[in-house]
Amino acid sequence: MATTKIHDIGSDATQCIFYAKNNKVGNFSDGIANSINYAINDKTGEVVYKTLSTYLLCNEDTIINDFKRCMEEGRGSKKREPSRRKDGQEVVCFHLHQNFEGYEVDPVTANEIGRKLAEELLAGYPCVISTHTNTKNLHNHIVFCAWNEDGGKYNDCHSTYRAIRRTSDRLCKEYGLSVLENTKEMKLIKYTDANGKTRYYEPTERKDKIISERKVMGVEGSVGDFKNTSSYDYYADKKENNRDMVKSDIDMFLPTVRSYDELLDRLREIGYVINDKKKNGEWLKHVSFKPSTADKPVRDKNIGLNEEKDFYRRETLTSYIEDRVWEMDNDANKNVQSGSVEIGGLRYFDSYDYPNFNVSDIDDEYRIVKLTNGNFEPARRTSIEKENISIIRGYANEISREFNPLNLVRHIDNIIEQRRIANEMGRKYTPMAKGEVAFENIQNALKSLRFIENNNIYSFAQLNELCSALKMNYERNIAELEKFQELVKYLSDILELPGRAVELSKLLRASVGNMEYMMESSSADIALLSSYREIISKYQIDTEEGITSA
């Protein structure tokens, strides 16, 4: 099954074409990964969903110029004013979507169906047919010039759209795909809007419900406008709730982050999808935030009410965070100069040397970090740090139950001494008592906590990705090593051939009078010696015996 829709593009076709034919980048999805080809960028860890594109009356390198040529020739062939959109822009191309149901079709077949649709209905119009694989439904983007090579302008009307739907359904049937039986025939209802203009709409359950609600409420307007309906009221309430949610989450992280980028990282950590930069790395004019429970994102300019709105813009938040960090660093450095590395009741740990420090001194929410310039600052702990701290506390409680607190240091020193002796004797130290096992576990957990802190790991998902990347690189290196070992063995065998050839040549010369050998084995050895000489000649291997000329 494939649904279709079409809309016009005004002013410039370049951006639309660029969007259609380029690969898409997103998060990993098991469903997509199991169904289509994808690639992971080793440098960024992003999943790149490959876009499959074909071209009609143009090619990948000249598509923009081909569109512009047809536009200029088409404009010049008509004396009348070209058609324009409601916003006053000239229609320069059209964007046709063909959306397939789930994965009932593979990308190559989907692109082939889109190409046949374009060949049948858009003959003479330069176009690109691009198949996207980055969503749960494979879909085609067919972008075609508004003018054909003969200067004719495409007429986007009910008649041409009916033809698109009929042709798309027929092609889907030919390829064994399902078709929406209830909507395969486009039936339009004629009506007059509030301004007396004749309009048409295709009845659907949603549109019929809107019309019924409007009749009850006494509201007039276009059937495409769903304001003043219960659906719109629900949408407006949900949108307002999303704004409050984004504002609350930003307010939660503001006291602890040290940069605007870190604020975005923290929000992403709790499930936000944030659109902040262009592909070239430049900041967007407005940053949008989409919570994990929301359907649509909220722009920074719409967060907060009245005078608060300007506060949540990127520029304002950046200045606010920088000012707060400066004040915090200034206070922290005063404490350090007085000889106490402690900020707000938090202690700085250069290392976790257990049991020479109290585990209860590790704060669950914050930690103190040392900057490269020697200053100290507080930082909010990540979810994975908190999980490690909880595990460490559990092991510490277990140790306190096994060992008398008064003799804890003596017991730990004894364990450390046993481990040292085992290392000197070249054997592995194996803890036996329950308390010894807990001590080994707490040591490993503290090492893990320090590793997580030093590498700025925010979540288990990030840690899994890091481990997966390391595993992938390890397996790649092992595969390369095995290939290298095979190559070394192959070359070693080749280097042994001159010696083997010498021995075989001697055997042949010594067995000239041996009739039994000459009858049974000499022909095979002569052939083998010939193959040795071919390989030796190929690799230009020579010896003092001069075997290459023997």
Protein backbone atom coordinates (compact mmCIF):
# COMPACT_ATOMS: atom_id res chain seq x y z
CA MET A 1 0.00 0.00 0.00
CA ALA A 2 1.25 3.48 -0.85
CA THR A 3 -0.39 6.80 -0.01
CA THR A 4 0.42 9.95 -1.96
CA LYS A 5 0.33 13.69 -1.46
CA ILE A 6 1.78 16.62 -3.39
CA HIS A 7 2.61 20.24 -2.60
CA ASP A 8 4.25 23.09 -4.47
CA ILE A 9 7.62 24.66 -3.71
CA GLY A 10 8.17 28.39 -4.07
CA SER A 11 11.19 30.62 -4.62
CA ASP A 12 14.05 28.08 -4.66
CA ALA A 13 14.16 24.35 -5.44
CA THR A 14 17.72 23.78 -4.16
CA GLN A 15 16.85 23.10 -0.52
CA CYS A 16 14.04 20.70 -1.41
CA ILE A 17 16.27 18.75 -3.82
CA PHE A 18 19.08 18.63 -1.27
CA TYR A 19 16.72 17.23 1.38
CA ALA A 20 15.32 14.58 -0.96
CA LYS A 21 18.54 13.10 -2.32
CA ASN A 22 20.86 13.19 0.71
CA ASN A 23 21.35 10.46 3.32
CA LYS A 24 19.58 10.82 6.65
CA VAL A 25 21.19 10.63 10.11
CA GLY A 26 19.39 9.51 13.22
CA ASN A 27 19.33 7.26 16.24
CA PHE A 28 19.68 3.49 16.08
CA SER A 29 16.43 1.54 15.57
CA ASP A 30 16.29 -2.24 15.78
CA GLY A 31 13.25 -2.41 13.51
CA ILE A 32 14.90 -0.40 10.79
CA ALA A 33 18.28 -2.04 11.23
CA ASN A 34 16.79 -5.51 10.80
CA SER A 35 14.99 -4.55 7.61
CA ILE A 36 17.26 -2.30 5.57
CA ASN A 37 20.87 -1.41 4.98
CA TYR A 38 22.36 1.22 7.27
CA ALA A 39 25.82 2.41 8.26
CA ILE A 40 27.34 3.72 11.48
CA ASN A 41 29.71 6.67 11.30
CA ASP A 42 32.72 5.55 13.37
CA LYS A 43 33.68 9.15 14.14
CA THR A 44 30.33 10.34 15.44
CA GLY A 45 28.59 7.09 16.32
CA GLU A 46 25.54 8.24 14.36
CA VAL A 47 23.44 5.91 12.24
CA VAL A 48 23.40 6.94 8.56
CA TYR A 49 20.33 5.75 6.65
CA LYS A 50 21.25 5.47 2.99
CA THR A 51 19.07 7.31 0.46
CA LEU A 52 18.56 5.61 -2.91
CA SER A 53 18.11 8.13 -5.78
CA THR A 54 17.41 7.89 -9.50
CA TYR A 55 17.09 10.75 -11.99
CA LEU A 56 14.98 11.51 -15.07
CA LEU A 57 16.14 14.08 -17.65
CA CYS A 58 18.93 15.15 -15.27
CA ASN A 59 21.72 13.62 -13.21
CA GLU A 60 23.14 14.04 -9.72
CA ASP A 61 25.81 16.56 -10.74
CA THR A 62 23.65 18.80 -12.96
CA ILE A 63 20.20 18.53 -11.38
CA ILE A 64 20.06 22.14 -10.11
CA ASN A 65 21.21 23.57 -13.44
CA ASP A 66 18.76 21.31 -15.33
CA PHE A 67 15.89 22.61 -13.20
CA LYS A 68 16.99 26.22 -13.68
CA ARG A 69 17.31 25.78 -17.44
CA CYS A 70 13.74 24.48 -17.75
CA MET A 71 12.48 27.26 -15.45
CA GLU A 72 14.10 29.99 -17.53
CA GLU A 73 12.97 28.51 -20.84
CA GLY A 74 9.45 27.96 -19.48
CA ARG A 75 9.16 31.51 -18.16
CA GLY A 76 10.34 32.93 -21.48
CA SER A 77 7.83 30.93 -23.54
CA LYS A 78 4.78 32.34 -21.74
CA LYS A 79 3.61 35.93 -21.93
CA ARG A 80 1.19 35.66 -19.02
CA GLU A 81 2.20 36.03 -15.37
CA PRO A 82 3.28 32.66 -13.89
CA SER A 83 1.09 31.11 -11.19
CA ARG A 84 1.97 31.98 -7.63
CA ARG A 85 1.34 30.55 -4.18
CA LYS A 86 -0.76 32.16 -1.49
CA ASP A 87 2.38 33.74 -0.01
CA GLY A 88 3.14 35.42 -3.36
CA GLN A 89 6.11 33.19 -4.26
CA GLU A 90 6.37 31.72 -7.73
CA VAL A 91 5.89 27.95 -7.97
CA VAL A 92 9.23 26.56 -9.23
CA CYS A 93 8.83 22.83 -8.56
CA PHE A 94 6.57 20.23 -6.96
CA HIS A 95 7.26 17.74 -4.17
CA LEU A 96 5.38 14.45 -4.44
CA HIS A 97 5.41 12.03 -1.47
CA GLN A 98 4.76 8.32 -1.95
CA ASN A 99 4.58 6.61 1.43
CA PHE A 100 4.58 2.79 1.70
CA GLU A 101 3.12 0.75 4.55
CA GLY A 102 5.91 -0.32 6.93
CA TYR A 103 8.45 -2.59 5.30
CA GLU A 104 6.21 -4.46 2.88
CA VAL A 105 8.57 -3.28 0.12
CA ASP A 106 12.37 -3.02 0.00
CA PRO A 107 14.16 0.27 -0.90
CA VAL A 108 15.14 -0.85 -4.42
CA THR A 109 11.57 -1.89 -5.31
CA ALA A 110 10.12 1.26 -3.73
CA ASN A 111 12.46 3.41 -5.83
CA GLU A 112 11.54 1.43 -8.96
CA ILE A 113 7.82 2.02 -8.33
CA GLY A 114 8.47 5.74 -7.83
CA ARG A 115 10.52 5.89 -11.04
CA LYS A 116 7.77 4.16 -13.07
CA LEU A 117 5.20 6.57 -11.60
CA ALA A 118 7.35 9.53 -12.70
CA GLU A 119 8.02 8.10 -16.17
CA GLU A 120 4.30 7.61 -16.77
CA LEU A 121 2.92 10.89 -15.38
CA LEU A 122 5.86 13.32 -15.48
CA ALA A 123 7.31 12.66 -18.93
CA GLY A 124 9.38 15.66 -20.01
CA TYR A 125 9.82 17.05 -16.48
CA PRO A 126 13.32 16.81 -14.92
CA CYS A 127 12.93 15.04 -11.59
CA VAL A 128 14.72 13.12 -8.86
CA ILE A 129 13.19 10.04 -7.19
CA SER A 130 14.72 9.49 -3.74
CA THR A 131 13.82 6.63 -1.40
CA HIS A 132 14.26 7.37 2.34
CA THR A 133 14.77 4.59 4.89
CA ASN A 134 15.03 6.55 8.13
CA THR A 135 11.42 6.16 9.31
CA LYS A 136 9.12 3.24 10.11
CA ASN A 137 7.59 3.60 6.64
CA LEU A 138 9.76 3.51 3.53
CA HIS A 139 8.83 6.47 1.34
CA ASN A 140 9.72 8.20 -1.90
CA HIS A 141 10.34 11.91 -2.38
CA ILE A 142 9.75 12.81 -6.02
CA VAL A 143 10.84 16.38 -6.72
CA PHE A 144 10.16 17.60 -10.26
CA CYS A 145 10.49 20.91 -12.06
CA ALA A 146 7.32 22.95 -12.55
CA TRP A 147 8.20 23.32 -16.27
CA ASN A 148 8.93 20.56 -18.76
CA GLU A 149 11.50 20.68 -21.54
CA ASP A 150 8.90 22.06 -23.99
CA GLY A 151 8.12 25.04 -21.75
CA GLY A 152 4.83 23.62 -20.45
CA LYS A 153 3.82 24.29 -16.83
CA TYR A 154 2.58 21.43 -14.67
CA ASN A 155 -1.08 21.83 -13.72
CA ASP A 156 -1.56 20.73 -10.12
CA CYS A 157 -5.30 20.13 -9.85
CA HIS A 158 -7.81 17.49 -8.75
CA SER A 159 -7.58 15.76 -12.12
CA THR A 160 -3.78 15.33 -12.09
CA TYR A 161 -3.85 14.24 -8.45
CA ARG A 162 -6.47 11.59 -9.26
CA ALA A 163 -4.13 10.31 -11.95
CA ILE A 164 -1.27 10.12 -9.43
CA ARG A 165 -3.35 8.08 -6.98
CA ARG A 166 -4.72 5.73 -9.66
CA THR A 167 -1.27 5.11 -11.14
CA SER A 168 0.32 4.59 -7.73
CA ASP A 169 -2.37 2.07 -6.72
CA ARG A 170 -2.03 0.20 -10.03
CA LEU A 171 1.76 -0.06 -9.69
CA CYS A 172 1.40 -1.28 -6.10
CA LYS A 173 -0.98 -4.02 -7.27
CA GLU A 174 1.44 -5.01 -10.03
CA TYR A 175 4.16 -5.49 -7.42
CA GLY A 176 1.87 -7.45 -5.09
CA LEU A 177 1.40 -4.66 -2.54
CA SER A 178 -1.84 -3.85 -0.73
CA VAL A 179 -4.14 -0.98 -1.76
CA LEU A 180 -6.59 1.09 0.30
CA GLU A 181 -9.87 0.02 -1.27
CA ASN A 182 -11.99 2.70 0.43
CA THR A 183 -9.93 5.62 -0.88
CA LYS A 184 -8.62 4.39 -4.22
CA GLU A 185 -11.28 6.51 -5.98
CA MET A 186 -10.97 10.21 -5.15
CA LYS A 187 -14.48 11.49 -4.41
CA LEU A 188 -14.79 15.23 -3.76
CA ILE A 189 -17.56 17.20 -2.07
CA LYS A 190 -18.25 20.71 -3.29
CA TYR A 191 -19.00 23.51 -0.83
CA THR A 192 -18.94 27.31 -0.56
CA ASP A 193 -16.78 28.96 2.09
CA ALA A 194 -17.63 32.04 4.17
CA ASN A 195 -16.30 34.34 1.41
CA GLY A 196 -18.56 32.78 -1.22
CA LYS A 197 -15.71 30.93 -2.98
CA THR A 198 -16.34 27.42 -4.29
CA ARG A 199 -14.09 24.82 -2.72
CA TYR A 200 -13.75 21.03 -2.63
CA TYR A 201 -12.70 18.52 -0.02
CA GLU A 202 -12.35 14.77 0.13
CA PRO A 203 -14.52 13.41 2.93
CA THR A 204 -12.80 11.51 5.71
CA GLU A 205 -13.94 10.51 9.17
CA ARG A 206 -11.86 13.32 10.73
CA LYS A 207 -13.15 16.03 8.38
CA ASP A 208 -16.76 14.91 8.74
CA LYS A 209 -16.40 15.05 12.52
CA ILE A 210 -15.00 18.60 12.32
CA ILE A 211 -17.90 19.74 10.15
CA SER A 212 -20.44 18.22 12.55
CA GLU A 213 -18.81 19.94 15.53
CA ARG A 214 -18.81 23.27 13.70
CA LYS A 215 -22.49 23.02 12.89
CA VAL A 216 -23.27 22.42 16.55
CA MET A 217 -21.00 25.33 17.62
CA GLY A 218 -22.22 27.60 14.81
CA VAL A 219 -18.67 28.12 13.49
CA GLU A 220 -17.95 28.79 9.80
CA GLY A 221 -14.70 28.44 7.89
CA SER A 222 -12.59 26.23 5.64
CA VAL A 223 -12.89 22.50 6.19
CA GLY A 224 -9.08 22.34 6.34
CA ASP A 225 -8.98 24.62 9.39
CA PHE A 226 -9.59 22.69 12.62
CA LYS A 227 -9.56 25.62 15.04
CA ASN A 228 -12.59 26.06 17.29
CA THR A 229 -13.02 22.30 17.56
CA SER A 230 -12.46 19.87 20.43
CA SER A 231 -9.42 18.49 18.59
CA TYR A 232 -7.84 21.93 18.46
CA ASP A 233 -8.61 22.60 22.14
CA TYR A 234 -6.89 19.31 23.06
CA TYR A 235 -3.92 20.21 20.86
CA ALA A 236 -3.63 23.69 22.42
CA ASP A 237 -3.75 22.29 25.97
CA LYS A 238 -1.13 19.66 25.15
CA LYS A 239 1.10 22.27 23.54
CA GLU A 240 0.91 24.43 26.67
CA ASN A 241 1.72 21.41 28.85
CA ASN A 242 4.79 20.70 26.67
CA ARG A 243 6.00 24.29 27.17
CA ASP A 244 5.68 23.96 30.94
CA MET A 245 7.53 20.63 30.86
CA VAL A 246 10.45 22.05 28.84
CA LYS A 247 10.66 25.10 31.09
CA SER A 248 10.64 22.95 34.24
CA ASP A 249 13.40 20.64 32.94
CA ILE A 250 15.61 23.55 31.87
CA ASP A 251 15.13 25.20 35.27
CA MET A 252 16.13 21.90 36.94
CA PHE A 253 19.53 21.74 35.17
CA LEU A 254 20.40 25.47 35.08
CA PRO A 255 21.96 25.62 38.59
CA THR A 256 24.55 22.93 37.79
CA VAL A 257 25.55 23.12 34.10
CA ARG A 258 28.61 25.11 33.03
CA SER A 259 27.69 25.78 29.40
CA TYR A 260 24.71 25.87 27.07
CA ASP A 261 26.01 22.76 25.30
CA GLU A 262 26.09 20.89 28.61
CA LEU A 263 22.49 21.95 29.24
CA LEU A 264 21.48 20.37 25.93
CA ASP A 265 23.45 17.22 26.79
CA ARG A 266 21.64 16.88 30.12
CA LEU A 267 18.24 17.28 28.43
CA ARG A 268 19.17 14.70 25.81
CA GLU A 269 20.19 12.35 28.62
CA ILE A 270 16.60 12.31 29.93
CA GLY A 271 15.14 11.63 26.49
CA TYR A 272 14.87 15.02 24.76
CA VAL A 273 15.21 15.36 21.00
CA ILE A 274 16.84 18.73 20.34
CA ASN A 275 17.30 20.46 17.01
CA ASP A 276 20.03 23.03 17.60
CA LYS A 277 22.47 23.25 14.69
CA LYS A 278 22.63 23.16 10.92
CA LYS A 279 24.61 20.49 9.10
CA ASN A 280 27.53 22.92 8.72
CA GLY A 281 27.71 23.34 12.51
CA GLU A 282 26.11 26.80 12.71
CA TRP A 283 23.46 27.47 15.36
CA LEU A 284 19.85 27.60 14.20
CA LYS A 285 18.03 30.85 14.81
CA HIS A 286 15.73 29.06 17.25
CA VAL A 287 16.54 25.87 19.18
CA SER A 288 13.64 23.43 19.49
CA PHE A 289 13.07 20.99 22.38
CA LYS A 290 10.94 17.84 22.12
CA PRO A 291 10.38 15.91 25.39
CA SER A 292 10.14 12.13 25.14
CA THR A 293 6.39 12.23 25.89
CA ALA A 294 5.57 15.03 23.42
CA ASP A 295 4.42 14.74 19.81
CA LYS A 296 5.88 18.05 18.65
CA PRO A 297 8.85 20.20 19.70
CA VAL A 298 8.75 23.60 21.40
CA ARG A 299 10.93 26.47 20.17
CA ASP A 300 13.03 28.41 22.66
CA LYS A 301 11.20 31.64 21.81
CA ASN A 302 7.91 30.08 23.00
CA ILE A 303 9.13 28.83 26.40
CA GLY A 304 7.86 30.77 29.38
CA LEU A 305 5.31 33.56 29.55
CA ASN A 306 5.54 37.26 28.69
CA GLU A 307 8.87 38.65 29.95
CA GLU A 308 10.23 35.12 30.56
CA LYS A 309 10.23 34.24 26.85
CA ASP A 310 13.42 36.12 26.04
CA PHE A 311 15.19 34.46 28.98
CA TYR A 312 14.99 30.96 27.44
CA ARG A 313 16.54 31.93 24.10
CA ARG A 314 19.96 30.43 23.45
CA GLU A 315 21.83 33.74 23.63
CA THR A 316 20.24 34.76 26.94
CA LEU A 317 20.73 31.38 28.60
CA THR A 318 24.36 31.27 27.43
CA SER A 319 25.06 34.65 29.05
CA TYR A 320 23.23 33.64 32.25
CA ILE A 321 25.21 30.38 32.57
CA GLU A 322 28.56 32.11 31.90
CA ASP A 323 27.85 34.75 34.56
CA ARG A 324 26.80 32.14 37.12
CA VAL A 325 29.88 29.97 36.41
CA TRP A 326 32.18 32.98 36.84
CA GLU A 327 30.66 33.77 40.23
CA MET A 328 30.82 30.11 41.29
CA ASP A 329 34.48 29.76 40.25
CA ASN A 330 35.35 32.94 42.08
CA ASP A 331 33.81 31.63 45.31
CA ALA A 332 35.39 28.20 44.86
CA ASN A 333 38.89 29.62 44.32
CA LYS A 334 38.60 31.67 47.50
CA ASN A 335 37.98 28.44 49.42
CA VAL A 336 40.94 26.74 47.75
CA GLN A 337 43.29 29.65 48.55
CA SER A 338 42.30 29.35 52.20
CA GLY A 339 43.55 25.75 52.15
CA SER A 340 40.23 23.86 52.06
CA VAL A 341 39.26 22.05 48.82
CA GLU A 342 35.59 22.04 49.68
CA ILE A 343 32.68 23.80 48.01
CA GLY A 344 29.23 23.97 49.51
CA GLY A 345 29.95 21.05 51.81
CA LEU A 346 31.27 18.89 48.93
CA ARG A 347 34.76 17.36 49.13
CA TYR A 348 37.19 16.96 46.25
CA PHE A 349 38.66 13.46 45.80
CA ASP A 350 41.83 13.22 43.77
CA SER A 351 41.51 9.43 44.08
CA TYR A 352 39.26 6.96 45.85
CA ASP A 353 41.79 5.27 48.16
CA TYR A 354 39.60 2.95 50.19
CA PRO A 355 39.54 2.55 53.19
CA ASN A 356 41.54 5.75 53.77
CA PHE A 357 38.38 7.81 53.15
CA ASN A 358 34.78 7.46 54.23
CA VAL A 359 32.41 6.27 51.50
CA SER A 360 29.64 8.38 53.06
CA ASP A 361 31.62 11.51 52.05
CA ILE A 362 30.79 10.78 48.37
CA ASP A 363 27.78 12.93 47.50
CA ASP A 364 25.00 11.27 45.47
CA GLU A 365 24.03 14.38 43.48
CA TYR A 366 27.23 16.43 42.98
CA ARG A 367 31.01 16.07 42.84
CA ILE A 368 33.95 18.50 42.75
CA VAL A 369 36.16 18.46 39.66
CA LYS A 370 39.56 20.04 39.14
CA LEU A 371 40.00 22.18 36.01
CA THR A 372 43.12 22.37 33.86
CA ASN A 373 43.85 25.83 35.25
CA GLY A 374 43.95 24.42 38.80
CA ASN A 375 40.56 25.77 39.85
CA PHE A 376 37.77 23.62 41.30
CA GLU A 377 34.07 23.53 40.46
CA PRO A 378 30.96 21.49 41.36
CA ALA A 379 29.37 19.26 38.71
CA ARG A 380 26.10 17.36 38.73
CA ARG A 381 26.43 13.59 38.83
CA THR A 382 25.06 11.53 35.95
CA SER A 383 22.64 8.61 36.28
CA ILE A 384 25.39 6.03 35.77
CA GLU A 385 27.55 7.67 38.47
CA LYS A 386 24.63 7.50 40.90
CA GLU A 387 24.15 3.81 40.11
CA ASN A 388 27.84 3.10 40.82
CA ILE A 389 27.71 5.03 44.10
CA SER A 390 24.70 2.97 45.19
CA ILE A 391 26.65 -0.24 44.46
CA ILE A 392 29.70 1.08 46.36
CA ARG A 393 27.59 1.87 49.42
CA GLY A 394 26.19 -1.68 49.33
CA TYR A 395 29.69 -3.21 49.34
CA ALA A 396 30.80 -0.83 52.11
CA ASN A 397 27.85 -1.94 54.27
CA GLU A 398 28.73 -5.56 53.60
CA ILE A 399 32.34 -4.96 54.70
CA SER A 400 31.22 -3.19 57.86
CA ARG A 401 29.07 -6.23 58.73
CA GLU A 402 31.96 -8.67 58.19
CA PHE A 403 34.74 -6.68 59.88
CA ASN A 404 34.82 -4.89 63.21
CA PRO A 405 35.03 -1.16 62.36
CA LEU A 406 37.83 -0.77 64.91
CA ASN A 407 39.93 -3.39 63.09
CA LEU A 408 38.81 -2.54 59.53
CA VAL A 409 42.09 -0.91 58.45
CA ARG A 410 44.12 -3.84 59.86
CA HIS A 411 41.98 -6.36 57.96
CA ILE A 412 42.26 -4.38 54.74
CA ASP A 413 46.04 -4.08 55.14
CA ASN A 414 46.20 -7.86 55.59
CA ILE A 415 44.24 -8.40 52.34
CA ILE A 416 46.53 -5.99 50.48
CA GLU A 417 49.62 -7.81 51.83
CA GLN A 418 48.26 -11.21 50.74
CA ARG A 419 47.61 -9.81 47.26
CA ARG A 420 51.18 -8.44 47.08
CA ILE A 421 52.69 -11.80 48.07
CA ALA A 422 50.56 -13.59 45.46
CA ASN A 423 51.78 -11.21 42.76
CA GLU A 424 55.44 -11.72 43.74
CA MET A 425 54.95 -15.51 43.56
CA GLY A 426 53.40 -15.20 40.11
CA ARG A 427 49.99 -16.52 41.06
CA LYS A 428 46.56 -14.93 41.05
CA TYR A 429 45.20 -13.75 44.37
CA THR A 430 41.82 -15.40 45.07
CA PRO A 431 39.77 -13.88 47.91
CA MET A 432 38.21 -16.52 50.12
CA ALA A 433 36.32 -14.83 52.94
CA LYS A 434 33.09 -12.93 52.27
CA GLY A 435 34.62 -9.69 53.47
CA GLU A 436 37.61 -10.14 51.14
CA VAL A 437 35.27 -10.60 48.16
CA ALA A 438 33.38 -7.42 49.14
CA PHE A 439 36.69 -5.53 49.36
CA GLU A 440 37.67 -6.68 45.84
CA ASN A 441 34.24 -5.62 44.57
CA ILE A 442 34.37 -2.17 46.16
CA GLN A 443 37.86 -1.59 44.71
CA ASN A 444 36.59 -2.46 41.22
CA ALA A 445 33.48 -0.32 41.67
CA LEU A 446 35.59 2.68 42.75
CA LYS A 447 37.83 2.24 39.68
CA SER A 448 34.69 2.16 37.51
CA LEU A 449 33.39 5.34 39.16
CA ARG A 450 36.70 7.16 38.53
CA PHE A 451 36.71 5.96 34.88
CA ILE A 452 33.15 7.19 34.35
CA GLU A 453 33.95 10.58 35.92
CA ASN A 454 37.15 11.08 33.93
CA ASN A 455 35.51 10.18 30.60
CA ASN A 456 32.31 12.20 31.11
CA ILE A 457 30.02 9.21 30.59
CA TYR A 458 26.40 10.26 31.13
CA SER A 459 24.41 7.02 30.82
CA PHE A 460 24.55 3.26 30.45
CA ALA A 461 23.49 3.71 26.82
CA GLN A 462 26.58 5.84 26.17
CA LEU A 463 28.76 3.30 28.00
CA ASN A 464 27.26 0.47 25.92
CA GLU A 465 27.91 2.45 22.74
CA LEU A 466 31.51 3.04 23.82
CA CYS A 467 31.99 -0.66 24.61
CA SER A 468 30.34 -1.64 21.32
CA ALA A 469 32.63 0.70 19.40
CA LEU A 470 35.70 -0.69 21.20
CA LYS A 471 34.50 -4.25 20.54
CA MET A 472 33.91 -3.41 16.88
CA ASN A 473 37.41 -1.92 16.55
CA TYR A 474 38.89 -4.92 18.37
CA GLU A 475 37.14 -7.39 16.07
CA ARG A 476 38.20 -5.34 13.04
CA ASN A 477 41.82 -5.39 14.23
CA ILE A 478 41.66 -9.15 14.90
CA ALA A 479 40.31 -9.71 11.38
CA GLU A 480 43.11 -7.59 9.91
CA LEU A 481 45.66 -9.49 12.02
CA GLU A 482 44.35 -12.84 10.80
CA LYS A 483 44.62 -11.63 7.20
CA PHE A 484 48.16 -10.48 7.90
CA GLN A 485 49.04 -13.83 9.46
CA GLU A 486 47.66 -15.66 6.45
CA LEU A 487 49.69 -13.40 4.18
CA VAL A 488 52.85 -14.03 6.23
CA LYS A 489 52.31 -17.80 6.06
CA TYR A 490 51.71 -17.57 2.32
CA LEU A 491 54.90 -15.57 1.79
CA SER A 492 56.84 -17.91 4.10
CA ASP A 493 55.75 -20.87 2.01
CA ILE A 494 56.86 -19.03 -1.13
CA LEU A 495 60.28 -18.27 0.39
CA GLU A 496 60.72 -21.98 1.07
CA LEU A 497 60.12 -22.89 -2.58
CA PRO A 498 63.74 -22.38 -3.78
CA GLY A 499 64.98 -24.92 -1.22
CA ARG A 500 62.23 -27.36 -2.12
CA ALA A 501 63.01 -26.91 -5.81
CA VAL A 502 66.71 -27.59 -5.22
CA GLU A 503 65.93 -30.82 -3.36
CA LEU A 504 63.41 -31.91 -5.98
CA SER A 505 65.86 -31.15 -8.80
CA LYS A 506 68.54 -33.22 -7.06
CA LEU A 507 66.07 -36.09 -6.66
CA LEU A 508 65.24 -36.02 -10.36
CA ARG A 509 68.91 -36.03 -11.37
CA ALA A 510 69.76 -38.83 -8.92
CA SER A 511 66.85 -40.99 -10.09
CA VAL A 512 67.60 -40.95 -13.81
CA GLY A 513 68.54 -44.65 -13.78
CA ASN A 514 65.72 -45.72 -11.45
CA MET A 515 63.17 -47.20 -13.86
CA GLU A 516 60.47 -47.69 -11.20
CA TYR A 517 60.70 -44.03 -10.15
CA MET A 518 60.80 -42.83 -13.72
CA MET A 519 57.63 -44.79 -14.54
CA GLU A 520 55.57 -43.97 -11.43
CA SER A 521 56.62 -40.62 -9.87
CA SER A 522 58.92 -38.67 -12.15
CA SER A 523 56.17 -37.04 -14.24
CA ALA A 524 54.39 -35.70 -11.14
CA ASP A 525 57.65 -34.38 -9.66
CA ILE A 526 58.61 -32.74 -12.98
CA ALA A 527 55.23 -30.96 -13.05
CA LEU A 528 55.65 -29.92 -9.41
CA LEU A 529 59.15 -28.57 -10.11
CA SER A 530 57.76 -26.62 -13.08
CA SER A 531 55.08 -25.02 -10.84
CA TYR A 532 57.77 -24.16 -8.26
CA ARG A 533 59.84 -22.43 -10.96
CA GLU A 534 56.80 -20.45 -12.21
CA ILE A 535 56.08 -19.12 -8.72
CA ILE A 536 59.78 -18.38 -8.11
CA SER A 537 59.98 -16.50 -11.40
CA LYS A 538 56.74 -14.61 -10.66
CA TYR A 539 58.02 -13.35 -7.31
CA GLN A 540 61.62 -13.00 -8.59
CA ILE A 541 63.08 -15.23 -5.87
CA ASP A 542 66.66 -16.35 -6.46
CA THR A 543 69.21 -18.30 -4.40
CA GLU A 544 72.93 -18.99 -4.40
CA GLU A 545 72.15 -22.28 -6.14
CA GLY A 546 70.68 -20.31 -9.04
CA ILE A 547 67.46 -22.28 -8.97
CA THR A 548 65.59 -19.81 -11.22
CA SER A 549 67.86 -20.81 -14.06
CA ALA A 550 68.21 -24.50 -13.14
